[in-house]
């Protein structure tokens, strides 16, 4: 069984770190480098960088930003934002990313998941699935701008055969709100797939991380709770260990 991971998420607009709510209302809260260095100093074992505006700029996450992270980080990190092709993925890996996150591109063109995993291995491919709220089962893309009328459960059942290595499950309703996580959906999805599930959206306490894990999550990705409260990844790690959860060592 895989050990549980705690993954700080850094959202960027290509230049700065941004904070939003419900995939909207982005505001600048710092620099990407300073935030990454802070997490690195706290001995986290993995980071996730997502450019939330890249697709709207018709580009991908900045390769120079990836290189910058790679130059000072000695921990693995994944990157996402506007990655639409095998060449985009190749660039991300060449500049230092360990994994890529495919969002809208994987929904609109599922074959891209297979193309990239065939070259770099499925362990390098995370597919992000965004759902609107606790009652809607339709997947949303383009940062909640478009409903593709694709059922989240139907698509998840295809991901293993497509070549995905992990699933990033994101609740738009709970994003940035620190109001708790959608444990029912986490449980349902964990029963549909053997792929590791990273859950994101709504973490407000150490107990939320625990409940997400016992509901079936393999990892919890969080941003706001680590940026705007006193809670640290190490405190979450300790809490989970005390609850007899096998957590990847920090």
C-alpha atoms as a PDB file:
ATOM      1  CA  UNK A   1       0.000   0.000   0.000  1.00  0.00           C
ATOM      2  CA  UNK A   2       1.270   3.442  -0.925  1.00  0.00           C
ATOM      3  CA  UNK A   3       2.099   5.776   1.914  1.00  0.00           C
ATOM      4  CA  UNK A   4      -0.125   8.845   2.143  1.00  0.00           C
ATOM      5  CA  UNK A   5       1.290  12.112   0.823  1.00  0.00           C
ATOM      6  CA  UNK A   6       0.647  15.699   1.878  1.00  0.00           C
ATOM      7  CA  UNK A   7       1.184  17.974  -1.136  1.00  0.00           C
ATOM      8  CA  UNK A   8       1.274  21.766  -0.826  1.00  0.00           C
ATOM      9  CA  UNK A   9      -0.149  23.347  -3.972  1.00  0.00           C
ATOM     10  CA  UNK A  10       1.145  26.608  -5.400  1.00  0.00           C
ATOM     11  CA  UNK A  11      -1.193  28.359  -7.834  1.00  0.00           C
ATOM     12  CA  UNK A  12       0.368  30.856 -10.193  1.00  0.00           C
ATOM     13  CA  UNK A  13      -0.723  33.215 -12.948  1.00  0.00           C
ATOM     14  CA  UNK A  14       2.621  32.743 -14.655  1.00  0.00           C
ATOM     15  CA  UNK A  15       4.442  35.317 -12.540  1.00  0.00           C
ATOM     16  CA  UNK A  16       3.067  35.405  -9.018  1.00  0.00           C
ATOM     17  CA  UNK A  17       1.297  33.147  -6.542  1.00  0.00           C
ATOM     18  CA  UNK A  18      -2.451  33.691  -6.623  1.00  0.00           C
ATOM     19  CA  UNK A  19      -5.308  32.821  -4.314  1.00  0.00           C
ATOM     20  CA  UNK A  20      -8.850  32.344  -5.520  1.00  0.00           C
ATOM     21  CA  UNK A  21     -12.167  30.865  -4.521  1.00  0.00           C
ATOM     22  CA  UNK A  22     -14.252  28.464  -6.619  1.00  0.00           C
ATOM     23  CA  UNK A  23     -11.640  28.686  -9.408  1.00  0.00           C
ATOM     24  CA  UNK A  24     -12.248  32.432  -9.697  1.00  0.00           C
ATOM     25  CA  UNK A  25     -11.440  35.863  -8.244  1.00  0.00           C
ATOM     26  CA  UNK A  26      -7.684  35.413  -8.367  1.00  0.00           C
ATOM     27  CA  UNK A  27      -5.575  37.806  -6.314  1.00  0.00           C
ATOM     28  CA  UNK A  28      -1.814  38.000  -5.886  1.00  0.00           C
ATOM     29  CA  UNK A  29      -0.478  36.769  -2.554  1.00  0.00           C
ATOM     30  CA  UNK A  30       3.271  36.482  -3.155  1.00  0.00           C
ATOM     31  CA  UNK A  31       6.002  35.223  -5.441  1.00  0.00           C
ATOM     32  CA  UNK A  32       6.288  31.650  -6.626  1.00  0.00           C
ATOM     33  CA  UNK A  33       9.956  31.379  -5.686  1.00  0.00           C
ATOM     34  CA  UNK A  34       9.483  32.666  -2.142  1.00  0.00           C
ATOM     35  CA  UNK A  35       6.531  30.369  -1.548  1.00  0.00           C
ATOM     36  CA  UNK A  36       8.375  27.352  -2.920  1.00  0.00           C
ATOM     37  CA  UNK A  37      11.429  28.117  -0.807  1.00  0.00           C
ATOM     38  CA  UNK A  38       9.231  28.386   2.282  1.00  0.00           C
ATOM     39  CA  UNK A  39       7.737  24.962   1.700  1.00  0.00           C
ATOM     40  CA  UNK A  40      11.148  23.494   0.936  1.00  0.00           C
ATOM     41  CA  UNK A  41      12.423  24.837   4.256  1.00  0.00           C
ATOM     42  CA  UNK A  42       9.563  23.003   5.954  1.00  0.00           C
ATOM     43  CA  UNK A  43      10.843  19.704   4.575  1.00  0.00           C
ATOM     44  CA  UNK A  44       7.839  18.788   2.450  1.00  0.00           C
ATOM     45  CA  UNK A  45       8.455  15.812   0.209  1.00  0.00           C
ATOM     46  CA  UNK A  46       6.475  16.919  -2.834  1.00  0.00           C
ATOM     47  CA  UNK A  47       5.057  20.123  -4.356  1.00  0.00           C
ATOM     48  CA  UNK A  48       2.509  20.884  -7.050  1.00  0.00           C
ATOM     49  CA  UNK A  49       2.644  24.027  -9.221  1.00  0.00           C
ATOM     50  CA  UNK A  50      -0.450  24.874 -11.269  1.00  0.00           C
ATOM     51  CA  UNK A  51      -0.680  27.819 -13.653  1.00  0.00           C
ATOM     52  CA  UNK A  52      -4.375  28.688 -13.500  1.00  0.00           C
ATOM     53  CA  UNK A  53      -4.289  31.186 -16.378  1.00  0.00           C
ATOM     54  CA  UNK A  54      -1.997  29.468 -18.891  1.00  0.00           C
ATOM     55  CA  UNK A  55      -4.808  28.016 -20.987  1.00  0.00           C
ATOM     56  CA  UNK A  56      -6.437  31.424 -21.336  1.00  0.00           C
ATOM     57  CA  UNK A  57      -3.112  32.912 -22.413  1.00  0.00           C
ATOM     58  CA  UNK A  58      -2.910  30.151 -25.037  1.00  0.00           C
ATOM     59  CA  UNK A  59       0.359  28.916 -23.605  1.00  0.00           C
ATOM     60  CA  UNK A  60       1.661  26.414 -21.062  1.00  0.00           C
ATOM     61  CA  UNK A  61       3.235  26.926 -17.667  1.00  0.00           C
ATOM     62  CA  UNK A  62       6.448  28.875 -18.189  1.00  0.00           C
ATOM     63  CA  UNK A  63       9.431  26.593 -18.805  1.00  0.00           C
ATOM     64  CA  UNK A  64      11.719  29.187 -17.200  1.00  0.00           C
ATOM     65  CA  UNK A  65       9.618  29.049 -14.049  1.00  0.00           C
ATOM     66  CA  UNK A  66       9.952  25.255 -14.036  1.00  0.00           C
ATOM     67  CA  UNK A  67      13.722  25.590 -14.456  1.00  0.00           C
ATOM     68  CA  UNK A  68      13.819  28.108 -11.619  1.00  0.00           C
ATOM     69  CA  UNK A  69      12.071  25.665  -9.305  1.00  0.00           C
ATOM     70  CA  UNK A  70      14.343  22.851 -10.406  1.00  0.00           C
ATOM     71  CA  UNK A  71      17.460  24.891  -9.659  1.00  0.00           C
ATOM     72  CA  UNK A  72      16.758  25.315  -5.965  1.00  0.00           C
ATOM     73  CA  UNK A  73      14.368  22.493  -5.076  1.00  0.00           C
ATOM     74  CA  UNK A  74      15.762  19.104  -4.146  1.00  0.00           C
ATOM     75  CA  UNK A  75      12.296  17.576  -3.850  1.00  0.00           C
ATOM     76  CA  UNK A  76      10.062  16.242  -6.644  1.00  0.00           C
ATOM     77  CA  UNK A  77       7.380  18.496  -8.042  1.00  0.00           C
ATOM     78  CA  UNK A  78       4.583  18.320 -10.573  1.00  0.00           C
ATOM     79  CA  UNK A  79       3.456  21.100 -12.901  1.00  0.00           C
ATOM     80  CA  UNK A  80       0.235  21.842 -14.726  1.00  0.00           C
ATOM     81  CA  UNK A  81      -1.392  24.534 -16.786  1.00  0.00           C
ATOM     82  CA  UNK A  82      -1.890  24.636 -20.541  1.00  0.00           C
ATOM     83  CA  UNK A  83      -0.091  21.343 -21.238  1.00  0.00           C
ATOM     84  CA  UNK A  84      -1.728  20.173 -24.446  1.00  0.00           C
ATOM     85  CA  UNK A  85       0.726  17.939 -26.283  1.00  0.00           C
ATOM     86  CA  UNK A  86       3.548  15.451 -26.038  1.00  0.00           C
ATOM     87  CA  UNK A  87       5.979  18.243 -26.862  1.00  0.00           C
ATOM     88  CA  UNK A  88       4.613  20.364 -24.008  1.00  0.00           C
ATOM     89  CA  UNK A  89       5.128  17.450 -21.636  1.00  0.00           C
ATOM     90  CA  UNK A  90       8.620  16.864 -22.976  1.00  0.00           C
ATOM     91  CA  UNK A  91       9.490  20.500 -22.253  1.00  0.00           C
ATOM     92  CA  UNK A  92       8.231  20.243 -18.686  1.00  0.00           C
ATOM     93  CA  UNK A  93      10.312  17.146 -17.994  1.00  0.00           C
ATOM     94  CA  UNK A  94      13.376  18.588 -19.710  1.00  0.00           C
ATOM     95  CA  UNK A  95      13.265  21.639 -17.454  1.00  0.00           C
ATOM     96  CA  UNK A  96      12.981  19.619 -14.261  1.00  0.00           C
ATOM     97  CA  UNK A  97       9.406  18.551 -13.485  1.00  0.00           C
ATOM     98  CA  UNK A  98       8.915  15.004 -12.238  1.00  0.00           C
ATOM     99  CA  UNK A  99       5.220  14.823 -13.146  1.00  0.00           C
ATOM    100  CA  UNK A 100       2.766  16.758 -15.250  1.00  0.00           C
ATOM    101  CA  UNK A 101      -0.868  17.532 -14.539  1.00  0.00           C
ATOM    102  CA  UNK A 102      -3.229  17.272 -17.508  1.00  0.00           C
ATOM    103  CA  UNK A 103      -6.584  18.960 -17.040  1.00  0.00           C
ATOM    104  CA  UNK A 104      -8.761  20.237 -19.859  1.00  0.00           C
ATOM    105  CA  UNK A 105      -6.528  18.659 -22.513  1.00  0.00           C
ATOM    106  CA  UNK A 106      -7.095  15.167 -21.100  1.00  0.00           C
ATOM    107  CA  UNK A 107     -10.863  15.660 -21.154  1.00  0.00           C
ATOM    108  CA  UNK A 108     -10.995  17.059 -24.678  1.00  0.00           C
ATOM    109  CA  UNK A 109      -8.405  14.657 -26.105  1.00  0.00           C
ATOM    110  CA  UNK A 110      -7.975  11.566 -23.896  1.00  0.00           C
ATOM    111  CA  UNK A 111      -5.435  10.114 -26.336  1.00  0.00           C
ATOM    112  CA  UNK A 112      -2.900  12.673 -25.105  1.00  0.00           C
ATOM    113  CA  UNK A 113      -2.780  10.806 -21.788  1.00  0.00           C
ATOM    114  CA  UNK A 114      -1.773   7.622 -23.621  1.00  0.00           C
ATOM    115  CA  UNK A 115       0.762   9.392 -25.834  1.00  0.00           C
ATOM    116  CA  UNK A 116       2.583  10.942 -22.898  1.00  0.00           C
ATOM    117  CA  UNK A 117       2.476   7.880 -20.649  1.00  0.00           C
ATOM    118  CA  UNK A 118       3.791   5.689 -23.480  1.00  0.00           C
ATOM    119  CA  UNK A 119       6.890   7.870 -23.678  1.00  0.00           C
ATOM    120  CA  UNK A 120       7.483   8.898 -20.063  1.00  0.00           C
ATOM    121  CA  UNK A 121       5.613   6.257 -18.076  1.00  0.00           C
ATOM    122  CA  UNK A 122       2.242   6.492 -16.373  1.00  0.00           C
ATOM    123  CA  UNK A 123       3.892   7.456 -13.066  1.00  0.00           C
ATOM    124  CA  UNK A 124       4.625  10.832 -14.674  1.00  0.00           C
ATOM    125  CA  UNK A 125       1.023  11.644 -15.651  1.00  0.00           C
ATOM    126  CA  UNK A 126      -1.612  13.072 -13.304  1.00  0.00           C
ATOM    127  CA  UNK A 127      -5.068  13.712 -14.743  1.00  0.00           C
ATOM    128  CA  UNK A 128      -7.011  16.517 -13.042  1.00  0.00           C
ATOM    129  CA  UNK A 129     -10.779  16.167 -12.832  1.00  0.00           C
ATOM    130  CA  UNK A 130     -12.776  19.210 -11.728  1.00  0.00           C
ATOM    131  CA  UNK A 131     -16.380  18.881 -10.589  1.00  0.00           C
ATOM    132  CA  UNK A 132     -18.684  21.776  -9.799  1.00  0.00           C
ATOM    133  CA  UNK A 133     -20.274  20.866  -6.476  1.00  0.00           C
ATOM    134  CA  UNK A 134     -21.325  18.073  -4.147  1.00  0.00           C
ATOM    135  CA  UNK A 135     -24.383  17.162  -6.220  1.00  0.00           C
ATOM    136  CA  UNK A 136     -23.219  17.616  -9.833  1.00  0.00           C
ATOM    137  CA  UNK A 137     -21.490  14.675 -11.513  1.00  0.00           C
ATOM    138  CA  UNK A 138     -20.466  16.535 -14.666  1.00  0.00           C
ATOM    139  CA  UNK A 139     -16.845  17.436 -15.288  1.00  0.00           C
ATOM    140  CA  UNK A 140     -15.970  21.095 -15.801  1.00  0.00           C
ATOM    141  CA  UNK A 141     -12.988  22.349 -17.813  1.00  0.00           C
ATOM    142  CA  UNK A 142     -11.288  25.662 -18.560  1.00  0.00           C
ATOM    143  CA  UNK A 143     -11.245  26.629 -14.869  1.00  0.00           C
ATOM    144  CA  UNK A 144     -14.992  26.057 -14.500  1.00  0.00           C
ATOM    145  CA  UNK A 145     -15.828  28.021 -17.640  1.00  0.00           C
ATOM    146  CA  UNK A 146     -17.186  25.025 -19.566  1.00  0.00           C
ATOM    147  CA  UNK A 147     -19.395  22.030 -18.759  1.00  0.00           C
ATOM    148  CA  UNK A 148     -18.540  19.149 -21.087  1.00  0.00           C
ATOM    149  CA  UNK A 149     -21.496  16.960 -20.054  1.00  0.00           C
ATOM    150  CA  UNK A 150     -19.117  14.126 -19.209  1.00  0.00           C
ATOM    151  CA  UNK A 151     -19.880  12.113 -16.101  1.00  0.00           C
ATOM    152  CA  UNK A 152     -17.003  12.102 -13.633  1.00  0.00           C
ATOM    153  CA  UNK A 153     -17.492   8.439 -12.722  1.00  0.00           C
ATOM    154  CA  UNK A 154     -17.656   7.294 -16.337  1.00  0.00           C
ATOM    155  CA  UNK A 155     -14.435   9.094 -17.199  1.00  0.00           C
ATOM    156  CA  UNK A 156     -12.557   7.870 -14.138  1.00  0.00           C
ATOM    157  CA  UNK A 157     -13.229   4.259 -15.094  1.00  0.00           C
ATOM    158  CA  UNK A 158     -11.321   4.896 -18.362  1.00  0.00           C
ATOM    159  CA  UNK A 159      -8.227   6.518 -16.899  1.00  0.00           C
ATOM    160  CA  UNK A 160      -6.279   3.395 -15.973  1.00  0.00           C
ATOM    161  CA  UNK A 161      -6.527   1.977 -19.494  1.00  0.00           C
ATOM    162  CA  UNK A 162      -5.653   5.378 -20.969  1.00  0.00           C
ATOM    163  CA  UNK A 163      -2.356   5.373 -19.086  1.00  0.00           C
ATOM    164  CA  UNK A 164      -2.906   7.817 -16.248  1.00  0.00           C
ATOM    165  CA  UNK A 165      -0.772   7.305 -13.170  1.00  0.00           C
ATOM    166  CA  UNK A 166      -2.775   9.373 -10.694  1.00  0.00           C
ATOM    167  CA  UNK A 167      -6.011  11.333 -10.449  1.00  0.00           C
ATOM    168  CA  UNK A 168      -6.223  14.863  -9.069  1.00  0.00           C
ATOM    169  CA  UNK A 169      -9.810  15.302  -7.898  1.00  0.00           C
ATOM    170  CA  UNK A 170     -10.750  18.956  -7.416  1.00  0.00           C
ATOM    171  CA  UNK A 171     -13.964  20.368  -5.963  1.00  0.00           C
ATOM    172  CA  UNK A 172     -14.765  23.764  -7.474  1.00  0.00           C
ATOM    173  CA  UNK A 173     -17.438  24.477  -4.864  1.00  0.00           C
ATOM    174  CA  UNK A 174     -14.964  23.955  -2.024  1.00  0.00           C
ATOM    175  CA  UNK A 175     -11.863  25.437  -3.679  1.00  0.00           C
ATOM    176  CA  UNK A 176     -10.231  28.082  -1.496  1.00  0.00           C
ATOM    177  CA  UNK A 177     -13.060  28.021   1.051  1.00  0.00           C
ATOM    178  CA  UNK A 178     -11.541  25.915   3.851  1.00  0.00           C
ATOM    179  CA  UNK A 179     -15.017  24.484   4.564  1.00  0.00           C
ATOM    180  CA  UNK A 180     -14.187  20.772   4.573  1.00  0.00           C
ATOM    181  CA  UNK A 181     -13.882  18.184   1.811  1.00  0.00           C
ATOM    182  CA  UNK A 182     -16.360  16.085  -0.163  1.00  0.00           C
ATOM    183  CA  UNK A 183     -15.760  12.746   1.550  1.00  0.00           C
ATOM    184  CA  UNK A 184     -18.709  10.990  -0.085  1.00  0.00           C
ATOM    185  CA  UNK A 185     -17.350  11.624  -3.581  1.00  0.00           C
ATOM    186  CA  UNK A 186     -13.841  10.646  -2.548  1.00  0.00           C
ATOM    187  CA  UNK A 187     -15.205   7.343  -1.269  1.00  0.00           C
ATOM    188  CA  UNK A 188     -17.265   6.665  -4.401  1.00  0.00           C
ATOM    189  CA  UNK A 189     -14.354   7.363  -6.722  1.00  0.00           C
ATOM    190  CA  UNK A 190     -11.850   5.348  -4.695  1.00  0.00           C
ATOM    191  CA  UNK A 191     -14.149   2.340  -5.147  1.00  0.00           C
ATOM    192  CA  UNK A 192     -14.106   2.773  -8.934  1.00  0.00           C
ATOM    193  CA  UNK A 193     -10.362   2.816  -9.578  1.00  0.00           C
ATOM    194  CA  UNK A 194      -7.082   1.396  -8.380  1.00  0.00           C
ATOM    195  CA  UNK A 195      -5.266   4.586  -9.344  1.00  0.00           C
ATOM    196  CA  UNK A 196      -3.955   6.791  -6.516  1.00  0.00           C
ATOM    197  CA  UNK A 197      -6.305   9.696  -5.880  1.00  0.00           C
ATOM    198  CA  UNK A 198      -5.022  13.138  -4.899  1.00  0.00           C
ATOM    199  CA  UNK A 199      -7.890  15.189  -3.486  1.00  0.00           C
ATOM    200  CA  UNK A 200      -8.028  18.963  -3.368  1.00  0.00           C
ATOM    201  CA  UNK A 201     -10.510  21.606  -2.273  1.00  0.00           C
ATOM    202  CA  UNK A 202     -11.745  22.649   1.143  1.00  0.00           C
ATOM    203  CA  UNK A 203      -9.187  21.343   3.646  1.00  0.00           C
ATOM    204  CA  UNK A 204      -9.704  23.344   6.835  1.00  0.00           C
ATOM    205  CA  UNK A 205      -8.094  21.275   9.588  1.00  0.00           C
ATOM    206  CA  UNK A 206      -5.863  18.311  10.299  1.00  0.00           C
ATOM    207  CA  UNK A 207      -8.998  16.239  10.735  1.00  0.00           C
ATOM    208  CA  UNK A 208     -10.022  16.997   7.135  1.00  0.00           C
ATOM    209  CA  UNK A 209      -6.803  15.407   5.905  1.00  0.00           C
ATOM    210  CA  UNK A 210      -7.512  12.347   8.033  1.00  0.00           C
ATOM    211  CA  UNK A 211     -11.112  12.025   6.870  1.00  0.00           C
ATOM    212  CA  UNK A 212     -10.026  12.365   3.238  1.00  0.00           C
ATOM    213  CA  UNK A 213      -7.530   9.539   3.679  1.00  0.00           C
ATOM    214  CA  UNK A 214      -9.934   7.167   5.421  1.00  0.00           C
ATOM    215  CA  UNK A 215     -12.435   7.951   2.641  1.00  0.00           C
ATOM    216  CA  UNK A 216      -9.954   6.631   0.079  1.00  0.00           C
ATOM    217  CA  UNK A 217      -7.519   9.421  -0.830  1.00  0.00           C
ATOM    218  CA  UNK A 218      -3.891   8.490  -1.420  1.00  0.00           C
ATOM    219  CA  UNK A 219      -2.786  12.104  -1.081  1.00  0.00           C
ATOM    220  CA  UNK A 220      -4.223  15.470  -0.103  1.00  0.00           C
ATOM    221  CA  UNK A 221      -3.189  18.600  -1.991  1.00  0.00           C
ATOM    222  CA  UNK A 222      -3.822  21.903  -0.248  1.00  0.00           C
ATOM    223  CA  UNK A 223      -2.928  25.541  -0.667  1.00  0.00           C
ATOM    224  CA  UNK A 224      -4.987  28.002   1.355  1.00  0.00           C
ATOM    225  CA  UNK A 225      -4.749  26.171   4.667  1.00  0.00           C
ATOM    226  CA  UNK A 226      -0.949  26.209   4.542  1.00  0.00           C
ATOM    227  CA  UNK A 227      -0.693  29.768   3.221  1.00  0.00           C
ATOM    228  CA  UNK A 228      -3.269  31.506   5.410  1.00  0.00           C
ATOM    229  CA  UNK A 229      -3.267  29.601   8.691  1.00  0.00           C
ATOM    230  CA  UNK A 230      -0.569  28.530  11.123  1.00  0.00           C
ATOM    231  CA  UNK A 231      -0.958  24.876  10.148  1.00  0.00           C
ATOM    232  CA  UNK A 232       2.112  23.288   8.543  1.00  0.00           C
ATOM    233  CA  UNK A 233       2.503  20.107   6.501  1.00  0.00           C
ATOM    234  CA  UNK A 234       4.590  18.658   9.345  1.00  0.00           C
ATOM    235  CA  UNK A 235       1.748  19.178  11.813  1.00  0.00           C
ATOM    236  CA  UNK A 236      -0.613  17.353   9.466  1.00  0.00           C
ATOM    237  CA  UNK A 237       1.983  14.614   9.050  1.00  0.00           C
ATOM    238  CA  UNK A 238       2.276  14.168  12.819  1.00  0.00           C
ATOM    239  CA  UNK A 239      -1.501  14.142  13.241  1.00  0.00           C
ATOM    240  CA  UNK A 240      -1.931  11.403  10.655  1.00  0.00           C
ATOM    241  CA  UNK A 241       0.866   9.304  12.151  1.00  0.00           C
ATOM    242  CA  UNK A 242      -0.808   9.615  15.549  1.00  0.00           C
ATOM    243  CA  UNK A 243      -3.963   8.290  13.878  1.00  0.00           C
ATOM    244  CA  UNK A 244      -1.998   5.240  12.660  1.00  0.00           C
ATOM    245  CA  UNK A 245      -1.903   6.381   9.038  1.00  0.00           C
ATOM    246  CA  UNK A 246       1.173   5.378   7.054  1.00  0.00           C
ATOM    247  CA  UNK A 247       2.517   8.687   5.775  1.00  0.00           C
ATOM    248  CA  UNK A 248       5.479   9.260   3.511  1.00  0.00           C
ATOM    249  CA  UNK A 249       8.362  10.393   5.698  1.00  0.00           C
ATOM    250  CA  UNK A 250       9.104  14.126   5.647  1.00  0.00           C
END
